């Protein structure tokens, strides 16, 4: 399954979504940890990137973080070219999330 997340820049980032329990080992990538509600609504719990050389260590990190936060899905963005690009994607998505939250609370972003 796919999910598209939009950054503050307006750029869309297509992610492959997995159930947290069945997510495969993954090379360095961006992620969004999500709690999908029974209603189908998605709640973003964390945006980040995994940078280990070992795909199994990245998977272990995703599962550990996801379990601690109560995530049941992980959305992976695999198209960033290198660590610098992954950081830019993460910051773009996180800024959009923070500004959406501020607007929802009645603050201007």
C-alpha atoms as a PDB file:
ATOM      1  CA  UNK A   1       0.000   0.000   0.000  1.00  0.00           C
ATOM      2  CA  UNK A   2       1.150   3.549  -0.613  1.00  0.00           C
ATOM      3  CA  UNK A   3       0.682   6.783   1.320  1.00  0.00           C
ATOM      4  CA  UNK A   4       1.697  10.248   0.211  1.00  0.00           C
ATOM      5  CA  UNK A   5       2.860  12.763   2.773  1.00  0.00           C
ATOM      6  CA  UNK A   6       3.244  16.430   1.840  1.00  0.00           C
ATOM      7  CA  UNK A   7       6.048  18.576   3.208  1.00  0.00           C
ATOM      8  CA  UNK A   8       5.856  22.234   4.153  1.00  0.00           C
ATOM      9  CA  UNK A   9       7.523  22.955   0.799  1.00  0.00           C
ATOM     10  CA  UNK A  10       4.461  21.524  -0.955  1.00  0.00           C
ATOM     11  CA  UNK A  11       6.454  18.569  -2.229  1.00  0.00           C
ATOM     12  CA  UNK A  12       4.749  15.165  -2.095  1.00  0.00           C
ATOM     13  CA  UNK A  13       6.701  12.200  -0.753  1.00  0.00           C
ATOM     14  CA  UNK A  14       5.286   8.785  -1.732  1.00  0.00           C
ATOM     15  CA  UNK A  15       5.792   6.237   1.036  1.00  0.00           C
ATOM     16  CA  UNK A  16       5.321   2.483   1.036  1.00  0.00           C
ATOM     17  CA  UNK A  17       3.228   1.573   4.070  1.00  0.00           C
ATOM     18  CA  UNK A  18       3.597  -1.617   6.087  1.00  0.00           C
ATOM     19  CA  UNK A  19       2.079  -3.072   9.185  1.00  0.00           C
ATOM     20  CA  UNK A  20       4.719  -2.554  11.871  1.00  0.00           C
ATOM     21  CA  UNK A  21       4.889  -6.300  12.549  1.00  0.00           C
ATOM     22  CA  UNK A  22       5.443  -7.296   8.905  1.00  0.00           C
ATOM     23  CA  UNK A  23       7.746  -4.483   7.787  1.00  0.00           C
ATOM     24  CA  UNK A  24      10.806  -5.914   6.016  1.00  0.00           C
ATOM     25  CA  UNK A  25      14.410  -5.050   6.825  1.00  0.00           C
ATOM     26  CA  UNK A  26      15.243  -1.760   5.134  1.00  0.00           C
ATOM     27  CA  UNK A  27      18.336   0.142   4.064  1.00  0.00           C
ATOM     28  CA  UNK A  28      18.716   3.755   5.189  1.00  0.00           C
ATOM     29  CA  UNK A  29      15.349   5.466   4.668  1.00  0.00           C
ATOM     30  CA  UNK A  30      12.882   8.074   5.891  1.00  0.00           C
ATOM     31  CA  UNK A  31       9.939   6.888   7.937  1.00  0.00           C
ATOM     32  CA  UNK A  32       6.647   8.013   9.387  1.00  0.00           C
ATOM     33  CA  UNK A  33       5.384   5.984  12.345  1.00  0.00           C
ATOM     34  CA  UNK A  34       1.600   5.952  12.288  1.00  0.00           C
ATOM     35  CA  UNK A  35      -1.234   4.796  14.504  1.00  0.00           C
ATOM     36  CA  UNK A  36      -4.114   3.862  12.217  1.00  0.00           C
ATOM     37  CA  UNK A  37      -7.361   4.222  14.139  1.00  0.00           C
ATOM     38  CA  UNK A  38     -10.336   1.861  13.751  1.00  0.00           C
ATOM     39  CA  UNK A  39     -12.026   4.700  11.826  1.00  0.00           C
ATOM     40  CA  UNK A  40      -9.209   4.617   9.262  1.00  0.00           C
ATOM     41  CA  UNK A  41      -7.802   7.949  10.411  1.00  0.00           C
ATOM     42  CA  UNK A  42      -4.019   8.121  10.624  1.00  0.00           C
ATOM     43  CA  UNK A  43      -2.222   9.721  13.544  1.00  0.00           C
ATOM     44  CA  UNK A  44       1.429  10.595  12.935  1.00  0.00           C
ATOM     45  CA  UNK A  45       3.492   9.649  15.966  1.00  0.00           C
ATOM     46  CA  UNK A  46       7.026  10.286  14.715  1.00  0.00           C
ATOM     47  CA  UNK A  47       8.858  11.346  11.576  1.00  0.00           C
ATOM     48  CA  UNK A  48      12.488  10.400  11.187  1.00  0.00           C
ATOM     49  CA  UNK A  49      15.105   8.416   9.348  1.00  0.00           C
ATOM     50  CA  UNK A  50      17.093   5.288   9.985  1.00  0.00           C
ATOM     51  CA  UNK A  51      20.742   5.438   8.967  1.00  0.00           C
ATOM     52  CA  UNK A  52      22.341   2.133   9.991  1.00  0.00           C
ATOM     53  CA  UNK A  53      24.438   0.231   7.445  1.00  0.00           C
ATOM     54  CA  UNK A  54      22.596  -2.926   8.458  1.00  0.00           C
ATOM     55  CA  UNK A  55      18.985  -3.248   7.235  1.00  0.00           C
ATOM     56  CA  UNK A  56      18.141  -5.513  10.175  1.00  0.00           C
ATOM     57  CA  UNK A  57      19.332  -2.873  12.654  1.00  0.00           C
ATOM     58  CA  UNK A  58      17.120  -0.309  10.902  1.00  0.00           C
ATOM     59  CA  UNK A  59      14.169  -2.675  11.193  1.00  0.00           C
ATOM     60  CA  UNK A  60      14.888  -3.261  14.889  1.00  0.00           C
ATOM     61  CA  UNK A  61      15.022   0.510  15.461  1.00  0.00           C
ATOM     62  CA  UNK A  62      11.716   1.052  13.638  1.00  0.00           C
ATOM     63  CA  UNK A  63       9.957  -1.702  15.576  1.00  0.00           C
ATOM     64  CA  UNK A  64      11.333  -0.523  18.920  1.00  0.00           C
ATOM     65  CA  UNK A  65      10.348   3.119  18.333  1.00  0.00           C
ATOM     66  CA  UNK A  66       6.984   2.087  16.912  1.00  0.00           C
ATOM     67  CA  UNK A  67       6.175  -0.217  19.803  1.00  0.00           C
ATOM     68  CA  UNK A  68       7.096   2.435  22.380  1.00  0.00           C
ATOM     69  CA  UNK A  69       4.856   5.006  20.688  1.00  0.00           C
ATOM     70  CA  UNK A  70       1.925   2.684  19.966  1.00  0.00           C
ATOM     71  CA  UNK A  71       2.356   2.700  16.186  1.00  0.00           C
ATOM     72  CA  UNK A  72       0.806  -0.031  14.089  1.00  0.00           C
ATOM     73  CA  UNK A  73       2.116   1.149  10.709  1.00  0.00           C
ATOM     74  CA  UNK A  74       5.422   2.331   9.335  1.00  0.00           C
ATOM     75  CA  UNK A  75       5.539   4.366   6.130  1.00  0.00           C
ATOM     76  CA  UNK A  76       8.891   4.307   4.315  1.00  0.00           C
ATOM     77  CA  UNK A  77      10.248   6.835   1.835  1.00  0.00           C
ATOM     78  CA  UNK A  78      13.078   5.223  -0.123  1.00  0.00           C
ATOM     79  CA  UNK A  79      13.780   7.849  -2.788  1.00  0.00           C
ATOM     80  CA  UNK A  80      16.110  10.228  -0.912  1.00  0.00           C
ATOM     81  CA  UNK A  81      19.635  10.155  -2.269  1.00  0.00           C
ATOM     82  CA  UNK A  82      21.953  10.048   0.729  1.00  0.00           C
ATOM     83  CA  UNK A  83      21.932  11.170   4.343  1.00  0.00           C
ATOM     84  CA  UNK A  84      21.709  14.905   3.577  1.00  0.00           C
ATOM     85  CA  UNK A  85      18.634  14.372   1.376  1.00  0.00           C
ATOM     86  CA  UNK A  86      17.002  12.189   4.026  1.00  0.00           C
ATOM     87  CA  UNK A  87      17.502  14.963   6.604  1.00  0.00           C
ATOM     88  CA  UNK A  88      15.939  17.530   4.257  1.00  0.00           C
ATOM     89  CA  UNK A  89      12.915  15.274   3.650  1.00  0.00           C
ATOM     90  CA  UNK A  90      12.535  14.657   7.393  1.00  0.00           C
ATOM     91  CA  UNK A  91      12.695  18.380   8.177  1.00  0.00           C
ATOM     92  CA  UNK A  92      10.213  19.237   5.403  1.00  0.00           C
ATOM     93  CA  UNK A  93       7.704  16.671   6.674  1.00  0.00           C
ATOM     94  CA  UNK A  94       8.221  17.554  10.338  1.00  0.00           C
ATOM     95  CA  UNK A  95       7.777  21.282   9.660  1.00  0.00           C
ATOM     96  CA  UNK A  96       4.508  20.557   7.844  1.00  0.00           C
ATOM     97  CA  UNK A  97       3.317  18.457  10.781  1.00  0.00           C
ATOM     98  CA  UNK A  98       4.210  21.146  13.327  1.00  0.00           C
ATOM     99  CA  UNK A  99       2.526  23.879  11.304  1.00  0.00           C
ATOM    100  CA  UNK A 100      -0.609  21.755  10.804  1.00  0.00           C
ATOM    101  CA  UNK A 101      -0.787  21.236  14.562  1.00  0.00           C
ATOM    102  CA  UNK A 102      -0.300  24.950  15.220  1.00  0.00           C
ATOM    103  CA  UNK A 103      -3.108  25.827  12.790  1.00  0.00           C
ATOM    104  CA  UNK A 104      -5.390  23.229  14.394  1.00  0.00           C
ATOM    105  CA  UNK A 105      -4.754  24.868  17.770  1.00  0.00           C
ATOM    106  CA  UNK A 106      -5.554  28.309  16.376  1.00  0.00           C
ATOM    107  CA  UNK A 107      -2.016  29.642  16.073  1.00  0.00           C
ATOM    108  CA  UNK A 108      -0.719  31.134  12.853  1.00  0.00           C
ATOM    109  CA  UNK A 109       2.117  29.131  11.396  1.00  0.00           C
END
